[in-house]
Amino acid sequence: MVIQQGVQQIGVLVDKVPEIRDVRPDEYVTAAAQSPEGAHPFVTGILKLAGRMGSLVEVPALLSYVGGTK
């Protein structure tokens, strides 16, 4: 998959997608509440899904991080 934000683009390799689903508010915790400030500036949330954890990634912040502008 190729993600583009403005003039930047990044390729993302996805090995496996076990499911696509809607997320309820009680399954979502903001990453700021769970990690030290600035630890992963592009991860905006943590998902608690049936005994597993997942992450929500903010694409513009990820591209800034990879591009070295933040």
C-alpha atoms as a PDB file:
ATOM      1  CA  MET A   1       0.000   0.000   0.000  1.00  0.00           C
ATOM      2  CA  VAL A   2       1.275   3.512  -0.773  1.00  0.00           C
ATOM      3  CA  ILE A   3       0.153   6.378   1.446  1.00  0.00           C
ATOM      4  CA  GLN A   4       0.539   9.934   0.236  1.00  0.00           C
ATOM      5  CA  GLN A   5       0.298  13.123   2.302  1.00  0.00           C
ATOM      6  CA  GLY A   6       1.005  16.267   0.323  1.00  0.00           C
ATOM      7  CA  VAL A   7       4.239  15.678  -1.607  1.00  0.00           C
ATOM      8  CA  GLN A   8       5.446  12.906   0.711  1.00  0.00           C
ATOM      9  CA  GLN A   9       4.619   9.283   0.228  1.00  0.00           C
ATOM     10  CA  ILE A  10       5.525   6.107   2.050  1.00  0.00           C
ATOM     11  CA  GLY A  11       5.122   2.447   1.200  1.00  0.00           C
ATOM     12  CA  VAL A  12       3.591   0.219   3.832  1.00  0.00           C
ATOM     13  CA  LEU A  13       3.897  -3.539   3.649  1.00  0.00           C
ATOM     14  CA  VAL A  14       1.013  -5.336   5.330  1.00  0.00           C
ATOM     15  CA  ASP A  15       1.732  -8.985   6.014  1.00  0.00           C
ATOM     16  CA  LYS A  16      -1.689  -9.974   7.274  1.00  0.00           C
ATOM     17  CA  VAL A  17      -5.021  -8.352   8.042  1.00  0.00           C
ATOM     18  CA  PRO A  18      -6.818 -10.613  10.494  1.00  0.00           C
ATOM     19  CA  GLU A  19      -9.988  -8.538  10.463  1.00  0.00           C
ATOM     20  CA  ILE A  20     -11.513  -5.191   9.617  1.00  0.00           C
ATOM     21  CA  ARG A  21     -13.992  -3.943  12.152  1.00  0.00           C
ATOM     22  CA  ASP A  22     -15.644  -0.973  13.774  1.00  0.00           C
ATOM     23  CA  VAL A  23     -14.145   0.103  17.086  1.00  0.00           C
ATOM     24  CA  ARG A  24     -16.297   1.035  20.062  1.00  0.00           C
ATOM     25  CA  PRO A  25     -15.231   3.973  22.276  1.00  0.00           C
ATOM     26  CA  ASP A  26     -14.584   1.613  25.220  1.00  0.00           C
ATOM     27  CA  GLU A  27     -11.977  -0.261  23.108  1.00  0.00           C
ATOM     28  CA  TYR A  28      -9.931   2.889  22.440  1.00  0.00           C
ATOM     29  CA  VAL A  29      -7.416   4.624  24.727  1.00  0.00           C
ATOM     30  CA  THR A  30      -5.419   7.659  23.639  1.00  0.00           C
ATOM     31  CA  ALA A  31      -1.734   6.858  23.337  1.00  0.00           C
ATOM     32  CA  ALA A  32      -0.780   9.951  25.347  1.00  0.00           C
ATOM     33  CA  ALA A  33      -2.452   8.390  28.376  1.00  0.00           C
ATOM     34  CA  GLN A  34      -0.400   5.191  28.022  1.00  0.00           C
ATOM     35  CA  SER A  35       3.130   6.198  26.975  1.00  0.00           C
ATOM     36  CA  PRO A  36       5.822   8.736  27.850  1.00  0.00           C
ATOM     37  CA  GLU A  37       5.479  12.018  25.980  1.00  0.00           C
ATOM     38  CA  GLY A  38       7.055  11.828  22.527  1.00  0.00           C
ATOM     39  CA  ALA A  39       7.729   8.063  22.692  1.00  0.00           C
ATOM     40  CA  HIS A  40       5.906   7.354  19.428  1.00  0.00           C
ATOM     41  CA  PRO A  41       4.528  10.667  18.139  1.00  0.00           C
ATOM     42  CA  PHE A  42       2.701   9.017  15.243  1.00  0.00           C
ATOM     43  CA  VAL A  43       0.731   6.525  17.374  1.00  0.00           C
ATOM     44  CA  THR A  44      -2.435   8.334  18.442  1.00  0.00           C
ATOM     45  CA  GLY A  45      -4.354   5.532  20.068  1.00  0.00           C
ATOM     46  CA  ILE A  46      -4.237   2.044  21.483  1.00  0.00           C
ATOM     47  CA  LEU A  47      -6.994  -0.475  20.829  1.00  0.00           C
ATOM     48  CA  LYS A  48      -8.006  -3.191  23.267  1.00  0.00           C
ATOM     49  CA  LEU A  49      -9.595  -5.944  21.181  1.00  0.00           C
ATOM     50  CA  ALA A  50     -10.574  -9.288  22.733  1.00  0.00           C
ATOM     51  CA  GLY A  51      -7.324  -9.850  24.600  1.00  0.00           C
ATOM     52  CA  ARG A  52      -5.150  -8.257  21.895  1.00  0.00           C
ATOM     53  CA  MET A  53      -3.757  -4.783  21.458  1.00  0.00           C
ATOM     54  CA  GLY A  54      -3.491  -2.670  18.344  1.00  0.00           C
ATOM     55  CA  SER A  55      -2.397   0.850  17.419  1.00  0.00           C
ATOM     56  CA  LEU A  56      -3.855   3.758  15.502  1.00  0.00           C
ATOM     57  CA  VAL A  57      -1.267   5.559  13.386  1.00  0.00           C
ATOM     58  CA  GLU A  58      -1.598   9.223  12.366  1.00  0.00           C
ATOM     59  CA  VAL A  59      -0.272   9.228   8.788  1.00  0.00           C
ATOM     60  CA  PRO A  60       0.859  12.907   8.600  1.00  0.00           C
ATOM     61  CA  ALA A  61       2.786  12.523  11.883  1.00  0.00           C
ATOM     62  CA  LEU A  62       4.365   9.255  10.639  1.00  0.00           C
ATOM     63  CA  LEU A  63       5.509  10.900   7.404  1.00  0.00           C
ATOM     64  CA  SER A  64       6.974  13.841   9.360  1.00  0.00           C
ATOM     65  CA  TYR A  65       8.788  11.405  11.663  1.00  0.00           C
ATOM     66  CA  VAL A  66      10.178   9.343   8.771  1.00  0.00           C
ATOM     67  CA  GLY A  67      11.108  12.494   6.847  1.00  0.00           C
ATOM     68  CA  GLY A  68      12.968  13.880   9.865  1.00  0.00           C
ATOM     69  CA  THR A  69      10.890  17.036  10.165  1.00  0.00           C
ATOM     70  CA  LYS A  70       9.732  16.293  13.725  1.00  0.00           C
END
